[in-house]
Amino acid sequence: MPRTREQLEQAAAEATQWLDDLDPDDPSVTVEDTADLRAVGLALAAIAASESNLSATVAAARANGRSWARIAAVLGVSKQAAMRRFSEPSHPIPPQTSRESEPDATRSSTR
C-alpha cells in the first residue's frame, strides 16, 4: 500500500515516540530489547527522506528540460505513471462549460 511522504514521516515519528514512552521501571511493562523496532522506525524515516530526495531530483530533471519519457525510463515506470506521481498541476483546469451557458454575444449566429 503506497503512502505519502508525510504519512511515512508521521508513522516513523509515532513509532519512535511509542518506543521512547516505554518505561522500563513500570512493573506492568515487560522490558525487552527494542533495537530491532527502532531499526524499523529508522528505515521508515530513511524511506521518507529518500522519497523527498527523489521528488526533488525529478523536479530538477524537469527544470533541466528532461522529458517525462526519459525520467520514466530511469524510474522503470511508464511515462504516465511518472507524470501522475511527480507532476503537480500549476493551474487547475476550469470546469467545462456548455455552449448554452456562453453569453449570446460570443455565439455565432446562423439564424
N, C-alpha and C. Protein backbone atom coordinates (compact mmCIF):
# COMPACT_ATOMS: atom_id res chain seq x y z
N MET A 1 0.85 -1.17 0.00
CA MET A 1 0.00 0.00 0.00
C MET A 1 0.90 1.24 0.00
N PRO A 2 0.90 2.02 -1.09
CA PRO A 2 1.72 3.23 -1.14
C PRO A 2 1.23 4.25 -0.12
N ARG A 3 2.20 4.95 0.46
CA ARG A 3 1.86 6.00 1.41
C ARG A 3 2.60 7.26 1.01
N THR A 4 2.05 8.38 1.41
CA THR A 4 2.70 9.65 1.10
C THR A 4 3.90 9.84 2.00
N ARG A 5 4.77 10.76 1.60
CA ARG A 5 5.94 11.07 2.40
C ARG A 5 5.53 11.52 3.79
N GLU A 6 4.47 12.33 3.87
CA GLU A 6 4.00 12.83 5.16
C GLU A 6 3.52 11.68 6.04
N GLN A 7 2.82 10.71 5.46
CA GLN A 7 2.35 9.56 6.22
C GLN A 7 3.52 8.72 6.72
N LEU A 8 4.55 8.55 5.88
CA LEU A 8 5.73 7.80 6.31
C LEU A 8 6.44 8.51 7.47
N GLU A 9 6.61 9.82 7.35
CA GLU A 9 7.25 10.58 8.40
C GLU A 9 6.46 10.50 9.71
N GLN A 10 5.13 10.60 9.60
CA GLN A 10 4.27 10.54 10.78
C GLN A 10 4.37 9.16 11.45
N ALA A 11 4.35 8.10 10.65
CA ALA A 11 4.43 6.75 11.21
C ALA A 11 5.77 6.53 11.91
N ALA A 12 6.85 7.03 11.33
CA ALA A 12 8.17 6.90 11.95
C ALA A 12 8.23 7.67 13.26
N ALA A 13 7.67 8.88 13.27
CA ALA A 13 7.66 9.68 14.50
C ALA A 13 6.83 9.02 15.59
N GLU A 14 5.69 8.46 15.22
CA GLU A 14 4.83 7.79 16.20
C GLU A 14 5.51 6.56 16.77
N ALA A 15 6.19 5.80 15.94
CA ALA A 15 6.89 4.59 16.42
C ALA A 15 8.01 4.97 17.38
N THR A 16 8.75 6.01 17.03
CA THR A 16 9.83 6.47 17.91
C THR A 16 9.28 6.95 19.25
N GLN A 17 8.19 7.71 19.20
CA GLN A 17 7.58 8.21 20.44
C GLN A 17 7.08 7.05 21.30
N TRP A 18 6.44 6.06 20.69
CA TRP A 18 5.94 4.90 21.43
C TRP A 18 7.09 4.18 22.12
N LEU A 19 8.19 3.98 21.39
CA LEU A 19 9.34 3.30 21.99
C LEU A 19 9.96 4.13 23.10
N ASP A 20 10.02 5.45 22.91
CA ASP A 20 10.57 6.32 23.96
C ASP A 20 9.69 6.35 25.20
N ASP A 21 8.38 6.17 25.03
CA ASP A 21 7.45 6.22 26.16
C ASP A 21 7.43 4.94 26.99
N LEU A 22 8.02 3.88 26.52
CA LEU A 22 8.07 2.65 27.31
C LEU A 22 8.92 2.90 28.55
N ASP A 23 8.34 2.64 29.69
CA ASP A 23 9.04 2.89 30.96
C ASP A 23 9.54 1.56 31.52
N PRO A 24 10.85 1.35 31.50
CA PRO A 24 11.38 0.07 31.99
C PRO A 24 11.18 -0.13 33.50
N ASP A 25 10.90 0.95 34.23
CA ASP A 25 10.69 0.85 35.68
C ASP A 25 9.25 0.50 36.03
N ASP A 26 8.36 0.56 35.05
CA ASP A 26 6.95 0.22 35.27
C ASP A 26 6.83 -1.30 35.37
N PRO A 27 6.32 -1.83 36.52
CA PRO A 27 6.25 -3.29 36.70
C PRO A 27 5.32 -3.98 35.71
N SER A 28 4.40 -3.23 35.12
CA SER A 28 3.49 -3.86 34.17
C SER A 28 4.09 -3.97 32.77
N VAL A 29 5.25 -3.35 32.59
CA VAL A 29 5.91 -3.38 31.28
C VAL A 29 6.99 -4.44 31.30
N THR A 30 6.92 -5.33 30.34
CA THR A 30 7.97 -6.32 30.18
C THR A 30 9.08 -5.68 29.37
N VAL A 31 10.26 -5.62 29.97
CA VAL A 31 11.39 -4.97 29.29
C VAL A 31 11.98 -5.94 28.29
N GLU A 32 12.12 -5.42 27.08
CA GLU A 32 12.72 -6.22 26.02
C GLU A 32 13.60 -5.32 25.19
N ASP A 33 14.47 -5.92 24.44
CA ASP A 33 15.35 -5.14 23.56
C ASP A 33 14.52 -4.67 22.37
N THR A 34 14.45 -3.36 22.20
CA THR A 34 13.66 -2.79 21.11
C THR A 34 14.53 -2.30 19.96
N ALA A 35 15.77 -2.72 19.93
CA ALA A 35 16.68 -2.24 18.89
C ALA A 35 16.15 -2.57 17.49
N ASP A 36 15.54 -3.74 17.35
CA ASP A 36 15.03 -4.11 16.02
C ASP A 36 13.86 -3.21 15.62
N LEU A 37 13.00 -2.86 16.58
CA LEU A 37 11.88 -1.97 16.27
C LEU A 37 12.36 -0.56 15.96
N ARG A 38 13.38 -0.12 16.69
CA ARG A 38 13.96 1.20 16.40
C ARG A 38 14.58 1.20 14.99
N ALA A 39 15.19 0.10 14.60
CA ALA A 39 15.77 -0.01 13.26
C ALA A 39 14.68 0.08 12.19
N VAL A 40 13.53 -0.52 12.46
CA VAL A 40 12.40 -0.42 11.53
C VAL A 40 11.97 1.04 11.40
N GLY A 41 11.86 1.74 12.52
CA GLY A 41 11.50 3.15 12.50
C GLY A 41 12.52 4.00 11.75
N LEU A 42 13.80 3.71 11.94
CA LEU A 42 14.85 4.44 11.22
C LEU A 42 14.77 4.15 9.72
N ALA A 43 14.49 2.90 9.36
CA ALA A 43 14.36 2.56 7.95
C ALA A 43 13.17 3.28 7.33
N LEU A 44 12.08 3.39 8.07
CA LEU A 44 10.90 4.11 7.59
C LEU A 44 11.22 5.60 7.40
N ALA A 45 11.96 6.18 8.33
CA ALA A 45 12.37 7.58 8.19
C ALA A 45 13.28 7.76 6.98
N ALA A 46 14.14 6.77 6.73
CA ALA A 46 15.02 6.84 5.56
C ALA A 46 14.22 6.78 4.26
N ILE A 47 13.16 5.98 4.25
CA ILE A 47 12.29 5.92 3.07
C ILE A 47 11.66 7.28 2.81
N ALA A 48 11.17 7.90 3.86
CA ALA A 48 10.54 9.23 3.72
C ALA A 48 11.55 10.24 3.19
N ALA A 49 12.78 10.20 3.69
CA ALA A 49 13.81 11.12 3.21
C ALA A 49 14.16 10.83 1.76
N SER A 50 14.22 9.55 1.40
CA SER A 50 14.52 9.18 0.02
C SER A 50 13.41 9.62 -0.93
N GLU A 51 12.16 9.50 -0.48
CA GLU A 51 11.02 9.96 -1.30
C GLU A 51 11.13 11.45 -1.54
N SER A 52 11.49 12.19 -0.52
CA SER A 52 11.64 13.64 -0.65
C SER A 52 12.77 13.96 -1.63
N ASN A 53 13.88 13.26 -1.51
CA ASN A 53 15.02 13.46 -2.40
C ASN A 53 14.65 13.09 -3.84
N LEU A 54 13.92 12.01 -4.02
CA LEU A 54 13.50 11.59 -5.36
C LEU A 54 12.60 12.64 -6.00
N SER A 55 11.67 13.16 -5.24
CA SER A 55 10.79 14.21 -5.76
C SER A 55 11.59 15.44 -6.18
N ALA A 56 12.56 15.81 -5.37
CA ALA A 56 13.38 16.98 -5.68
C ALA A 56 14.23 16.75 -6.92
N THR A 57 14.79 15.55 -7.07
CA THR A 57 15.63 15.29 -8.23
C THR A 57 14.81 15.18 -9.51
N VAL A 58 13.60 14.65 -9.42
CA VAL A 58 12.72 14.62 -10.60
C VAL A 58 12.35 16.04 -10.99
N ALA A 59 12.04 16.88 -10.01
CA ALA A 59 11.73 18.28 -10.31
C ALA A 59 12.92 18.98 -10.95
N ALA A 60 14.12 18.69 -10.48
CA ALA A 60 15.32 19.28 -11.08
C ALA A 60 15.53 18.79 -12.51
N ALA A 61 15.29 17.51 -12.74
CA ALA A 61 15.42 16.97 -14.09
C ALA A 61 14.43 17.64 -15.04
N ARG A 62 13.20 17.82 -14.57
CA ARG A 62 12.19 18.51 -15.40
C ARG A 62 12.61 19.96 -15.65
N ALA A 63 13.14 20.63 -14.62
CA ALA A 63 13.59 22.01 -14.78
C ALA A 63 14.75 22.10 -15.77
N ASN A 64 15.51 21.03 -15.91
CA ASN A 64 16.62 20.97 -16.86
C ASN A 64 16.17 20.50 -18.24
N GLY A 65 14.86 20.37 -18.43
CA GLY A 65 14.33 20.03 -19.75
C GLY A 65 14.21 18.55 -20.05
N ARG A 66 14.38 17.71 -19.07
CA ARG A 66 14.25 16.26 -19.31
C ARG A 66 12.79 15.91 -19.53
N SER A 67 12.55 15.01 -20.47
CA SER A 67 11.17 14.60 -20.78
C SER A 67 10.68 13.60 -19.75
N TRP A 68 9.35 13.51 -19.66
CA TRP A 68 8.76 12.50 -18.77
C TRP A 68 9.14 11.11 -19.24
N ALA A 69 9.28 10.90 -20.54
CA ALA A 69 9.65 9.58 -21.07
C ALA A 69 11.03 9.16 -20.56
N ARG A 70 11.99 10.09 -20.58
CA ARG A 70 13.34 9.75 -20.11
C ARG A 70 13.36 9.53 -18.60
N ILE A 71 12.66 10.37 -17.87
CA ILE A 71 12.60 10.20 -16.41
C ILE A 71 11.94 8.86 -16.08
N ALA A 72 10.85 8.55 -16.78
CA ALA A 72 10.15 7.29 -16.54
C ALA A 72 11.05 6.09 -16.82
N ALA A 73 11.87 6.19 -17.87
CA ALA A 73 12.78 5.08 -18.21
C ALA A 73 13.76 4.82 -17.06
N VAL A 74 14.27 5.89 -16.46
CA VAL A 74 15.19 5.74 -15.33
C VAL A 74 14.47 5.14 -14.13
N LEU A 75 13.22 5.55 -13.91
CA LEU A 75 12.45 5.05 -12.77
C LEU A 75 11.92 3.64 -12.99
N GLY A 76 11.90 3.20 -14.26
CA GLY A 76 11.37 1.87 -14.55
C GLY A 76 9.86 1.81 -14.52
N VAL A 77 9.23 2.94 -14.85
CA VAL A 77 7.76 3.01 -14.88
C VAL A 77 7.33 3.63 -16.20
N SER A 78 6.03 3.64 -16.45
CA SER A 78 5.54 4.27 -17.66
C SER A 78 5.60 5.80 -17.52
N LYS A 79 5.58 6.46 -18.67
CA LYS A 79 5.57 7.92 -18.68
C LYS A 79 4.38 8.44 -17.89
N GLN A 80 3.22 7.81 -18.08
CA GLN A 80 2.01 8.24 -17.39
C GLN A 80 2.15 8.07 -15.88
N ALA A 81 2.75 6.96 -15.45
CA ALA A 81 2.92 6.73 -14.01
C ALA A 81 3.86 7.77 -13.40
N ALA A 82 4.92 8.10 -14.12
CA ALA A 82 5.85 9.12 -13.62
C ALA A 82 5.16 10.47 -13.52
N MET A 83 4.38 10.81 -14.53
CA MET A 83 3.67 12.09 -14.52
C MET A 83 2.66 12.15 -13.38
N ARG A 84 1.91 11.05 -13.18
CA ARG A 84 0.91 11.03 -12.11
C ARG A 84 1.57 11.20 -10.75
N ARG A 85 2.71 10.56 -10.57
CA ARG A 85 3.35 10.58 -9.26
C ARG A 85 4.06 11.89 -8.96
N PHE A 86 4.70 12.48 -9.96
CA PHE A 86 5.59 13.59 -9.68
C PHE A 86 5.14 14.94 -10.22
N SER A 87 4.16 14.99 -11.11
CA SER A 87 3.78 16.30 -11.62
C SER A 87 2.73 16.92 -10.71
N GLU A 88 2.84 18.21 -10.57
CA GLU A 88 1.86 18.96 -9.80
C GLU A 88 1.26 19.98 -10.75
N PRO A 89 -0.04 19.94 -10.96
CA PRO A 89 -0.62 20.91 -11.88
C PRO A 89 -0.40 22.33 -11.36
N SER A 90 0.16 23.16 -12.22
CA SER A 90 0.43 24.53 -11.80
C SER A 90 -0.82 25.38 -11.82
N HIS A 91 -1.76 25.01 -12.68
CA HIS A 91 -3.02 25.74 -12.76
C HIS A 91 -4.15 24.73 -12.85
N PRO A 92 -5.11 24.80 -11.96
CA PRO A 92 -6.24 23.87 -12.06
C PRO A 92 -7.00 24.10 -13.36
N ILE A 93 -7.48 23.03 -13.92
CA ILE A 93 -8.25 23.12 -15.15
C ILE A 93 -9.66 23.54 -14.79
N PRO A 94 -10.15 24.61 -15.41
CA PRO A 94 -11.51 25.04 -15.08
C PRO A 94 -12.52 24.04 -15.60
N PRO A 95 -13.67 23.96 -14.93
CA PRO A 95 -14.69 23.01 -15.38
C PRO A 95 -15.18 23.39 -16.78
N GLN A 96 -15.55 22.37 -17.55
CA GLN A 96 -16.08 22.60 -18.89
C GLN A 96 -17.42 23.29 -18.80
N THR A 97 -17.64 24.22 -19.70
CA THR A 97 -18.94 24.87 -19.77
C THR A 97 -19.59 24.47 -21.08
N SER A 98 -20.89 24.41 -21.05
CA SER A 98 -21.61 24.05 -22.28
C SER A 98 -21.81 25.29 -23.13
N ARG A 99 -22.10 25.11 -24.39
CA ARG A 99 -22.35 26.23 -25.30
C ARG A 99 -23.57 27.03 -24.83
N GLU A 100 -24.52 26.37 -24.20
CA GLU A 100 -25.72 27.06 -23.73
C GLU A 100 -25.41 28.06 -22.63
N SER A 101 -24.32 27.84 -21.89
CA SER A 101 -24.01 28.74 -20.79
C SER A 101 -23.19 29.94 -21.25
N GLU A 102 -22.76 29.97 -22.51
CA GLU A 102 -22.00 31.10 -23.02
C GLU A 102 -22.92 32.28 -23.27
N PRO A 103 -22.43 33.49 -23.10
CA PRO A 103 -23.25 34.66 -23.42
C PRO A 103 -23.57 34.69 -24.91
N ASP A 104 -24.75 35.23 -25.25
CA ASP A 104 -25.18 35.27 -26.65
C ASP A 104 -24.19 36.00 -27.55
N ALA A 105 -23.50 36.98 -27.03
CA ALA A 105 -22.58 37.78 -27.86
C ALA A 105 -21.42 36.96 -28.37
N THR A 106 -21.07 35.87 -27.67
CA THR A 106 -19.92 35.08 -28.09
C THR A 106 -20.31 33.97 -29.04
N ARG A 107 -21.57 33.70 -29.17
CA ARG A 107 -22.02 32.63 -30.07
C ARG A 107 -22.12 33.17 -31.49
N SER A 108 -21.80 32.30 -32.42
CA SER A 108 -22.01 32.72 -33.81
C SER A 108 -23.46 32.46 -34.16
N SER A 109 -24.03 33.39 -34.82
CA SER A 109 -25.46 33.28 -35.15
C SER A 109 -25.60 32.87 -36.59
N THR A 110 -26.42 31.84 -36.82
CA THR A 110 -26.67 31.36 -38.18
C THR A 110 -28.14 31.50 -38.52
N ARG A 111 -28.85 32.32 -37.77
CA ARG A 111 -30.29 32.48 -37.97
C ARG A 111 -30.60 33.33 -39.14
